[in-house]
Amino acid sequence: MEDTPSTRLPHSIFFFLLLAGLLQANYQAAHLPRMIATHFGKDGMANGWQTKGASFYTEAVLVLVAASITFGLPRLLEILPVPLWNLPNKEYWFGPERRANTVAYFRAQFAWFGCALLAFLLVVYELVFRANLVFPHQLNTTAFLAALFTFLAFVLLWTIRLIMHFSKAK
């Protein structure tokens, strides 16, 4: 039987990022005006605005989505009947002797995905905050694109790893 993947490290990182996000939001709330730029065009110039409260509400919802992916989706996958899974070799992976490890593997992988998603969101929130401190309000598109492509590269590698792991019956 293969080793059961641990979620201790990614869950610890997720909670650290969550704490950092709360500290970040607290700091930003004290330094932002009532109306803030929250949408930016291709050139990085602000072209959409929200109240500070609405912006923080949106951020909170997105953080809840990240938490749901990290903790909720693996729990949902755990209780879904095997026929509902779209997984190669699912009879093998969900055999009685492998089901616990398969579910643990998904838990660990989604925990890492949640960490990457939350880190990306925190970077974007920081870039939006900094854009609101200068006039005219302009997003650092170079930093945004670097963060976006880093996140997308992670998603690509994460997906390839999942496909490779489950494409073969060991």
C-alpha atoms as a PDB file:
ATOM      1  CA  MET A   1       0.000   0.000   0.000  1.00  0.00           C
ATOM      2  CA  GLU A   2       1.371   3.422  -0.940  1.00  0.00           C
ATOM      3  CA  ASP A   3       1.992   6.166   1.578  1.00  0.00           C
ATOM      4  CA  THR A   4      -1.025   8.303   2.374  1.00  0.00           C
ATOM      5  CA  PRO A   5      -0.323  11.914   1.341  1.00  0.00           C
ATOM      6  CA  SER A   6      -0.418  14.388   4.202  1.00  0.00           C
ATOM      7  CA  THR A   7      -2.323  17.651   4.174  1.00  0.00           C
ATOM      8  CA  ARG A   8      -0.539  19.057   7.225  1.00  0.00           C
ATOM      9  CA  LEU A   9       1.911  21.268   5.298  1.00  0.00           C
ATOM     10  CA  PRO A  10      -0.510  22.690   2.703  1.00  0.00           C
ATOM     11  CA  HIS A  11      -3.195  23.282   5.339  1.00  0.00           C
ATOM     12  CA  SER A  12      -0.650  25.082   7.528  1.00  0.00           C
ATOM     13  CA  ILE A  13       0.414  27.212   4.577  1.00  0.00           C
ATOM     14  CA  PHE A  14      -3.233  27.937   3.720  1.00  0.00           C
ATOM     15  CA  PHE A  15      -3.974  29.113   7.260  1.00  0.00           C
ATOM     16  CA  PHE A  16      -0.797  31.211   7.291  1.00  0.00           C
ATOM     17  CA  LEU A  17      -1.899  32.823   4.012  1.00  0.00           C
ATOM     18  CA  LEU A  18      -5.368  33.355   5.458  1.00  0.00           C
ATOM     19  CA  LEU A  19      -3.882  35.102   8.496  1.00  0.00           C
ATOM     20  CA  ALA A  20      -1.641  37.188   6.234  1.00  0.00           C
ATOM     21  CA  GLY A  21      -4.726  38.092   4.173  1.00  0.00           C
ATOM     22  CA  LEU A  22      -6.624  39.209   7.255  1.00  0.00           C
ATOM     23  CA  LEU A  23      -3.701  41.396   8.330  1.00  0.00           C
ATOM     24  CA  GLN A  24      -3.397  42.718   4.778  1.00  0.00           C
ATOM     25  CA  ALA A  25      -7.118  43.573   4.621  1.00  0.00           C
ATOM     26  CA  ASN A  26      -6.997  45.265   8.018  1.00  0.00           C
ATOM     27  CA  TYR A  27      -4.063  47.422   6.955  1.00  0.00           C
ATOM     28  CA  GLN A  28      -5.567  48.238   3.570  1.00  0.00           C
ATOM     29  CA  ALA A  29      -8.965  49.165   5.024  1.00  0.00           C
ATOM     30  CA  ALA A  30      -7.326  51.856   7.124  1.00  0.00           C
ATOM     31  CA  HIS A  31      -5.512  53.386   4.143  1.00  0.00           C
ATOM     32  CA  LEU A  32      -8.088  53.316   1.347  1.00  0.00           C
ATOM     33  CA  PRO A  33     -10.693  55.971   0.511  1.00  0.00           C
ATOM     34  CA  ARG A  34     -14.415  55.192   0.525  1.00  0.00           C
ATOM     35  CA  MET A  35     -14.463  54.642  -3.277  1.00  0.00           C
ATOM     36  CA  ILE A  36     -11.671  52.567  -4.760  1.00  0.00           C
ATOM     37  CA  ALA A  37     -10.596  51.486  -8.228  1.00  0.00           C
ATOM     38  CA  THR A  38     -11.300  47.781  -8.585  1.00  0.00           C
ATOM     39  CA  HIS A  39     -11.234  47.197 -12.334  1.00  0.00           C
ATOM     40  CA  PHE A  40      -8.458  48.068 -14.721  1.00  0.00           C
ATOM     41  CA  GLY A  41      -8.124  48.103 -18.507  1.00  0.00           C
ATOM     42  CA  LYS A  42      -5.403  46.469 -20.606  1.00  0.00           C
ATOM     43  CA  ASP A  43      -3.198  49.492 -20.042  1.00  0.00           C
ATOM     44  CA  GLY A  44      -3.623  49.150 -16.289  1.00  0.00           C
ATOM     45  CA  MET A  45      -5.662  52.334 -15.950  1.00  0.00           C
ATOM     46  CA  ALA A  46      -8.628  52.216 -13.582  1.00  0.00           C
ATOM     47  CA  ASN A  47     -11.978  51.978 -15.331  1.00  0.00           C
ATOM     48  CA  GLY A  48     -14.248  50.549 -12.636  1.00  0.00           C
ATOM     49  CA  TRP A  49     -14.949  51.565  -9.057  1.00  0.00           C
ATOM     50  CA  GLN A  50     -16.552  50.111  -5.936  1.00  0.00           C
ATOM     51  CA  THR A  51     -17.100  51.231  -2.410  1.00  0.00           C
ATOM     52  CA  LYS A  52     -14.466  49.990  -0.013  1.00  0.00           C
ATOM     53  CA  GLY A  53     -17.091  47.848   1.704  1.00  0.00           C
ATOM     54  CA  ALA A  54     -18.251  46.209  -1.524  1.00  0.00           C
ATOM     55  CA  SER A  55     -14.668  45.535  -2.526  1.00  0.00           C
ATOM     56  CA  PHE A  56     -13.837  43.852   0.783  1.00  0.00           C
ATOM     57  CA  TYR A  57     -17.066  41.849   0.564  1.00  0.00           C
ATOM     58  CA  THR A  58     -16.026  40.608  -2.899  1.00  0.00           C
ATOM     59  CA  GLU A  59     -12.578  39.717  -1.569  1.00  0.00           C
ATOM     60  CA  ALA A  60     -14.123  37.794   1.324  1.00  0.00           C
ATOM     61  CA  VAL A  61     -16.336  35.807  -1.059  1.00  0.00           C
ATOM     62  CA  LEU A  62     -13.315  34.911  -3.208  1.00  0.00           C
ATOM     63  CA  VAL A  63     -11.375  33.783  -0.131  1.00  0.00           C
ATOM     64  CA  LEU A  64     -14.371  31.615   0.830  1.00  0.00           C
ATOM     65  CA  VAL A  65     -14.267  30.092  -2.659  1.00  0.00           C
ATOM     66  CA  ALA A  66     -10.577  29.270  -2.131  1.00  0.00           C
ATOM     67  CA  ALA A  67     -11.401  27.714   1.254  1.00  0.00           C
ATOM     68  CA  SER A  68     -14.254  25.737  -0.279  1.00  0.00           C
ATOM     69  CA  ILE A  69     -11.936  24.346  -2.932  1.00  0.00           C
ATOM     70  CA  THR A  70      -9.311  23.506  -0.339  1.00  0.00           C
ATOM     71  CA  PHE A  71     -11.557  21.875   2.252  1.00  0.00           C
ATOM     72  CA  GLY A  72     -15.071  21.433   0.869  1.00  0.00           C
ATOM     73  CA  LEU A  73     -14.483  19.950  -2.557  1.00  0.00           C
ATOM     74  CA  PRO A  74     -12.375  17.030  -1.274  1.00  0.00           C
ATOM     75  CA  ARG A  75     -15.086  16.241   1.286  1.00  0.00           C
ATOM     76  CA  LEU A  76     -17.709  16.280  -1.457  1.00  0.00           C
ATOM     77  CA  LEU A  77     -15.569  14.019  -3.629  1.00  0.00           C
ATOM     78  CA  GLU A  78     -15.190  11.663  -0.688  1.00  0.00           C
ATOM     79  CA  ILE A  79     -18.936  11.050  -0.432  1.00  0.00           C
ATOM     80  CA  LEU A  80     -19.756  10.944  -4.154  1.00  0.00           C
ATOM     81  CA  PRO A  81     -20.559   7.468  -5.445  1.00  0.00           C
ATOM     82  CA  VAL A  82     -17.797   6.043  -7.657  1.00  0.00           C
ATOM     83  CA  PRO A  83     -19.935   6.056 -10.859  1.00  0.00           C
ATOM     84  CA  LEU A  84     -20.108   9.878 -10.626  1.00  0.00           C
ATOM     85  CA  TRP A  85     -16.311  10.249 -10.675  1.00  0.00           C
ATOM     86  CA  ASN A  86     -14.747  11.087 -14.021  1.00  0.00           C
ATOM     87  CA  LEU A  87     -11.455   9.360 -13.411  1.00  0.00           C
ATOM     88  CA  PRO A  88      -9.436   6.935 -15.531  1.00  0.00           C
ATOM     89  CA  ASN A  89      -9.167   3.463 -14.014  1.00  0.00           C
ATOM     90  CA  LYS A  90     -11.653   4.445 -11.318  1.00  0.00           C
ATOM     91  CA  GLU A  91     -12.437   0.809 -10.495  1.00  0.00           C
ATOM     92  CA  TYR A  92      -8.765   0.357  -9.618  1.00  0.00           C
ATOM     93  CA  TRP A  93      -8.381   3.632  -7.702  1.00  0.00           C
ATOM     94  CA  PHE A  94     -11.599   3.142  -5.738  1.00  0.00           C
ATOM     95  CA  GLY A  95     -11.119  -0.487  -4.951  1.00  0.00           C
ATOM     96  CA  PRO A  96     -11.563  -1.185  -1.244  1.00  0.00           C
ATOM     97  CA  GLU A  97      -7.808  -1.411  -0.638  1.00  0.00           C
ATOM     98  CA  ARG A  98      -7.058   1.919  -2.410  1.00  0.00           C
ATOM     99  CA  ARG A  99     -10.054   4.167  -1.785  1.00  0.00           C
ATOM    100  CA  ALA A 100      -8.665   5.775   1.389  1.00  0.00           C
ATOM    101  CA  ASN A 101      -5.350   6.614  -0.308  1.00  0.00           C
ATOM    102  CA  THR A 102      -7.114   7.923  -3.408  1.00  0.00           C
ATOM    103  CA  VAL A 103      -9.275  10.255  -1.347  1.00  0.00           C
ATOM    104  CA  ALA A 104      -6.225  11.323   0.706  1.00  0.00           C
ATOM    105  CA  TYR A 105      -4.361  12.085  -2.522  1.00  0.00           C
ATOM    106  CA  PHE A 106      -7.222  14.303  -3.699  1.00  0.00           C
ATOM    107  CA  ARG A 107      -7.333  16.044  -0.309  1.00  0.00           C
ATOM    108  CA  ALA A 108      -3.614  16.825  -0.512  1.00  0.00           C
ATOM    109  CA  GLN A 109      -3.771  17.986  -4.130  1.00  0.00           C
ATOM    110  CA  PHE A 110      -6.740  20.290  -3.517  1.00  0.00           C
ATOM    111  CA  ALA A 111      -5.022  21.664  -0.423  1.00  0.00           C
ATOM    112  CA  TRP A 112      -2.047  22.685  -2.584  1.00  0.00           C
ATOM    113  CA  PHE A 113      -4.395  24.128  -5.205  1.00  0.00           C
ATOM    114  CA  GLY A 114      -6.127  26.189  -2.506  1.00  0.00           C
ATOM    115  CA  CYS A 115      -2.773  27.541  -1.329  1.00  0.00           C
ATOM    116  CA  ALA A 116      -1.848  28.619  -4.848  1.00  0.00           C
ATOM    117  CA  LEU A 117      -5.257  30.210  -5.438  1.00  0.00           C
ATOM    118  CA  LEU A 118      -5.198  32.095  -2.138  1.00  0.00           C
ATOM    119  CA  ALA A 119      -1.622  33.299  -2.726  1.00  0.00           C
ATOM    120  CA  PHE A 120      -2.638  34.558  -6.178  1.00  0.00           C
ATOM    121  CA  LEU A 121      -5.661  36.384  -4.743  1.00  0.00           C
ATOM    122  CA  LEU A 122      -3.544  38.042  -2.046  1.00  0.00           C
ATOM    123  CA  VAL A 123      -1.065  39.263  -4.666  1.00  0.00           C
ATOM    124  CA  VAL A 124      -3.907  40.709  -6.754  1.00  0.00           C
ATOM    125  CA  TYR A 125      -5.428  42.412  -3.687  1.00  0.00           C
ATOM    126  CA  GLU A 126      -2.041  43.967  -2.921  1.00  0.00           C
ATOM    127  CA  LEU A 127      -1.639  45.191  -6.502  1.00  0.00           C
ATOM    128  CA  VAL A 128      -5.120  46.745  -6.442  1.00  0.00           C
ATOM    129  CA  PHE A 129      -4.334  48.383  -3.102  1.00  0.00           C
ATOM    130  CA  ARG A 130      -1.108  49.866  -4.456  1.00  0.00           C
ATOM    131  CA  ALA A 131      -2.887  51.087  -7.580  1.00  0.00           C
ATOM    132  CA  ASN A 132      -5.265  53.013  -5.330  1.00  0.00           C
ATOM    133  CA  LEU A 133      -2.399  54.805  -3.608  1.00  0.00           C
ATOM    134  CA  VAL A 134      -1.204  56.557  -6.773  1.00  0.00           C
ATOM    135  CA  PHE A 135      -2.871  59.007  -9.113  1.00  0.00           C
ATOM    136  CA  PRO A 136      -3.888  58.309 -11.735  1.00  0.00           C
ATOM    137  CA  HIS A 137      -4.891  54.893 -10.443  1.00  0.00           C
ATOM    138  CA  GLN A 138      -2.917  52.377 -12.478  1.00  0.00           C
ATOM    139  CA  LEU A 139      -2.418  48.667 -11.876  1.00  0.00           C
ATOM    140  CA  ASN A 140       1.093  47.300 -12.234  1.00  0.00           C
ATOM    141  CA  THR A 141       0.249  45.094 -15.216  1.00  0.00           C
ATOM    142  CA  THR A 142       3.741  43.581 -15.326  1.00  0.00           C
ATOM    143  CA  ALA A 143       3.389  42.300 -11.761  1.00  0.00           C
ATOM    144  CA  PHE A 144      -0.198  41.211 -12.408  1.00  0.00           C
ATOM    145  CA  LEU A 145       0.749  39.239 -15.515  1.00  0.00           C
ATOM    146  CA  ALA A 146       3.690  37.649 -13.702  1.00  0.00           C
ATOM    147  CA  ALA A 147       1.359  36.540 -10.891  1.00  0.00           C
ATOM    148  CA  LEU A 148      -1.280  35.339 -13.361  1.00  0.00           C
ATOM    149  CA  PHE A 149       1.169  33.319 -15.470  1.00  0.00           C
ATOM    150  CA  THR A 150       2.761  31.849 -12.357  1.00  0.00           C
ATOM    151  CA  PHE A 151      -0.664  30.737 -11.138  1.00  0.00           C
ATOM    152  CA  LEU A 152      -1.601  29.355 -14.562  1.00  0.00           C
ATOM    153  CA  ALA A 153       1.712  27.471 -14.752  1.00  0.00           C
ATOM    154  CA  PHE A 154       0.947  25.966 -11.342  1.00  0.00           C
ATOM    155  CA  VAL A 155      -2.537  24.948 -12.532  1.00  0.00           C
ATOM    156  CA  LEU A 156      -1.080  23.347 -15.657  1.00  0.00           C
ATOM    157  CA  LEU A 157       1.529  21.367 -13.695  1.00  0.00           C
ATOM    158  CA  TRP A 158      -1.049  20.455 -11.039  1.00  0.00           C
ATOM    159  CA  THR A 159      -3.405  19.144 -13.729  1.00  0.00           C
ATOM    160  CA  ILE A 160      -0.659  17.182 -15.487  1.00  0.00           C
ATOM    161  CA  ARG A 161       0.346  15.642 -12.174  1.00  0.00           C
ATOM    162  CA  LEU A 162      -3.248  14.546 -11.496  1.00  0.00           C
ATOM    163  CA  ILE A 163      -3.607  13.090 -14.979  1.00  0.00           C
ATOM    164  CA  MET A 164      -0.306  11.234 -14.748  1.00  0.00           C
ATOM    165  CA  HIS A 165      -1.091   9.904 -11.289  1.00  0.00           C
ATOM    166  CA  PHE A 166      -4.489   8.496 -12.238  1.00  0.00           C
ATOM    167  CA  SER A 167      -3.840   7.512 -15.859  1.00  0.00           C
ATOM    168  CA  LYS A 168      -2.072   4.327 -14.920  1.00  0.00           C
ATOM    169  CA  ALA A 169      -3.121   1.517 -12.682  1.00  0.00           C
ATOM    170  CA  LYS A 170      -0.076   0.841 -10.555  1.00  0.00           C
END
